Amino acid sequence: VMVKMLEACGQAGELVFTVRRAVKLKEEFKQVLERLPRKKALFLIHPSVELDSGDLEFLERLGARVARSQAVLLDMLVTDRGEALIGLPLDEDEPVVVWVRHEGFAGSLHRTILEEAGLG
């Protein structure tokens, strides 16, 4: 999961994350994102997710836009390069992620998320 995330984020110019629940690999994700050159980033977060001071400082360091929405159903990363990583809530102990590389699918997700955040 981490290798694919690093690859997808490294090639993209814009990153869109949806966060439904606190992910098991949250700290590892932060480390990956902090090592990348600055990217345009949006985090659309479900209202049930509580951000601690470390999360808020991280998002500020990234220069990320943050919005909240009840419409967030899954944890996802969607890039402007036609890739999506979709977290499936199948197993609490082992993250299960589906990687989709399809410009039409990822582009549609990207536009929908931006619209939901009031940015599209």
Protein backbone atom coordinates (compact mmCIF):
# COMPACT_ATOMS: atom_id res chain seq x y z
CA VAL A 1 0.00 0.00 0.00
CA MET A 2 2.77 2.43 0.95
CA VAL A 3 4.81 1.76 -2.20
CA LYS A 4 1.81 2.29 -4.48
CA MET A 5 0.84 5.45 -2.59
CA LEU A 6 4.35 6.85 -2.93
CA GLU A 7 4.38 6.04 -6.64
CA ALA A 8 0.94 7.57 -7.29
CA CYS A 9 1.64 10.69 -5.24
CA GLY A 10 5.07 11.19 -6.76
CA GLN A 11 3.70 11.28 -10.31
CA ALA A 12 0.70 13.50 -9.54
CA GLY A 13 0.38 17.24 -9.35
CA GLU A 14 -2.86 17.22 -7.38
CA LEU A 15 -3.89 14.81 -4.63
CA VAL A 16 -7.42 14.39 -3.32
CA PHE A 17 -7.97 12.35 -0.17
CA THR A 18 -11.24 11.29 1.39
CA VAL A 19 -11.08 10.17 5.00
CA ARG A 20 -13.91 8.14 6.50
CA ARG A 21 -12.13 6.76 9.53
CA ALA A 22 -8.71 6.98 11.08
CA VAL A 23 -6.53 4.63 9.07
CA LYS A 24 -4.15 2.18 10.64
CA LEU A 25 -1.27 3.51 8.55
CA LYS A 26 -1.97 7.21 9.21
CA GLU A 27 1.50 8.02 10.55
CA GLU A 28 3.17 6.17 7.67
CA PHE A 29 1.01 8.10 5.17
CA LYS A 30 2.09 11.37 6.78
CA GLN A 31 5.75 10.41 6.44
CA VAL A 32 5.32 9.59 2.75
CA LEU A 33 3.54 12.86 1.99
CA GLU A 34 6.05 14.98 3.91
CA ARG A 35 8.93 13.57 1.83
CA LEU A 36 7.35 14.51 -1.48
CA PRO A 37 7.80 17.84 -3.22
CA ARG A 38 4.92 20.14 -2.36
CA LYS A 39 1.69 19.04 -4.04
CA LYS A 40 -1.72 20.63 -4.35
CA ALA A 41 -3.79 18.63 -1.85
CA LEU A 42 -7.39 18.44 -0.68
CA PHE A 43 -8.61 16.38 2.25
CA LEU A 44 -12.36 15.77 2.34
CA ILE A 45 -13.08 14.40 5.80
CA HIS A 46 -16.19 12.77 7.24
CA PRO A 47 -17.52 14.72 10.28
CA SER A 48 -17.05 11.68 12.54
CA VAL A 49 -13.26 11.82 12.07
CA GLU A 50 -11.54 13.78 14.81
CA LEU A 51 -8.32 15.56 13.91
CA ASP A 52 -5.77 15.99 16.68
CA SER A 53 -3.28 18.85 16.89
CA GLY A 54 -0.63 16.76 15.10
CA ASP A 55 -3.02 16.14 12.20
CA LEU A 56 -3.85 19.84 11.94
CA GLU A 57 -0.16 20.82 11.99
CA PHE A 58 0.56 18.22 9.30
CA LEU A 59 -2.22 19.52 7.03
CA GLU A 60 -1.00 23.08 7.54
CA ARG A 61 2.60 22.11 6.66
CA LEU A 62 1.29 20.50 3.46
CA GLY A 63 -0.72 23.60 2.61
CA ALA A 64 -3.71 21.31 2.14
CA ARG A 65 -7.27 22.45 1.74
CA VAL A 66 -9.60 20.73 4.18
CA ALA A 67 -13.37 20.29 3.92
CA ARG A 68 -15.90 18.13 5.73
CA SER A 69 -18.74 16.13 4.22
CA GLN A 70 -21.25 13.49 5.25
CA ALA A 71 -20.90 12.10 1.71
CA VAL A 72 -17.49 10.50 2.41
CA LEU A 73 -18.05 6.74 2.31
CA LEU A 74 -14.52 5.32 1.96
CA ASP A 75 -10.91 6.26 2.48
CA MET A 76 -9.51 7.16 -0.94
CA LEU A 77 -6.65 8.84 -2.72
CA VAL A 78 -7.40 10.17 -6.18
CA THR A 79 -4.77 11.83 -8.35
CA ASP A 80 -4.95 14.10 -11.35
CA ARG A 81 -2.96 11.44 -13.27
CA GLY A 82 -5.76 8.90 -13.57
CA GLU A 83 -5.09 6.81 -10.47
CA ALA A 84 -7.22 6.00 -7.44
CA LEU A 85 -6.41 4.00 -4.33
CA ILE A 86 -9.60 2.96 -2.56
CA GLY A 87 -9.47 1.58 0.97
CA LEU A 88 -11.98 -1.17 1.64
CA PRO A 89 -13.25 -1.65 5.20
CA LEU A 90 -12.90 -5.43 5.12
CA ASP A 91 -10.33 -6.13 7.81
CA GLU A 92 -9.44 -4.03 10.85
CA ASP A 93 -5.97 -5.59 11.15
CA GLU A 94 -4.80 -5.55 7.53
CA PRO A 95 -5.49 -2.63 5.18
CA VAL A 96 -7.13 -3.70 1.94
CA VAL A 97 -6.71 -1.25 -0.93
CA VAL A 98 -7.83 -1.44 -4.53
CA TRP A 99 -5.66 0.40 -7.04
CA VAL A 100 -7.44 1.64 -10.15
CA ARG A 101 -5.53 3.13 -13.04
CA HIS A 102 -8.16 4.47 -15.39
CA GLU A 103 -8.33 8.12 -16.39
CA GLY A 104 -12.11 8.15 -16.88
CA PHE A 105 -12.85 6.56 -13.52
CA ALA A 106 -10.29 8.57 -11.56
CA GLY A 107 -11.24 11.78 -13.36
CA SER A 108 -14.90 11.29 -12.50
CA LEU A 109 -14.04 10.61 -8.83
CA HIS A 110 -11.77 13.66 -8.79
CA ARG A 111 -14.48 15.97 -10.19
CA THR A 112 -17.15 14.56 -7.85
CA ILE A 113 -15.01 15.03 -4.75
CA LEU A 114 -14.13 18.61 -5.74
CA GLU A 115 -17.82 19.36 -6.30
CA GLU A 116 -18.72 17.86 -2.91
CA ALA A 117 -16.07 20.05 -1.28
CA GLY A 118 -17.52 23.09 -3.07
CA LEU A 119 -14.38 23.55 -5.14
CA GLY A 120 -15.48 22.25 -8.52
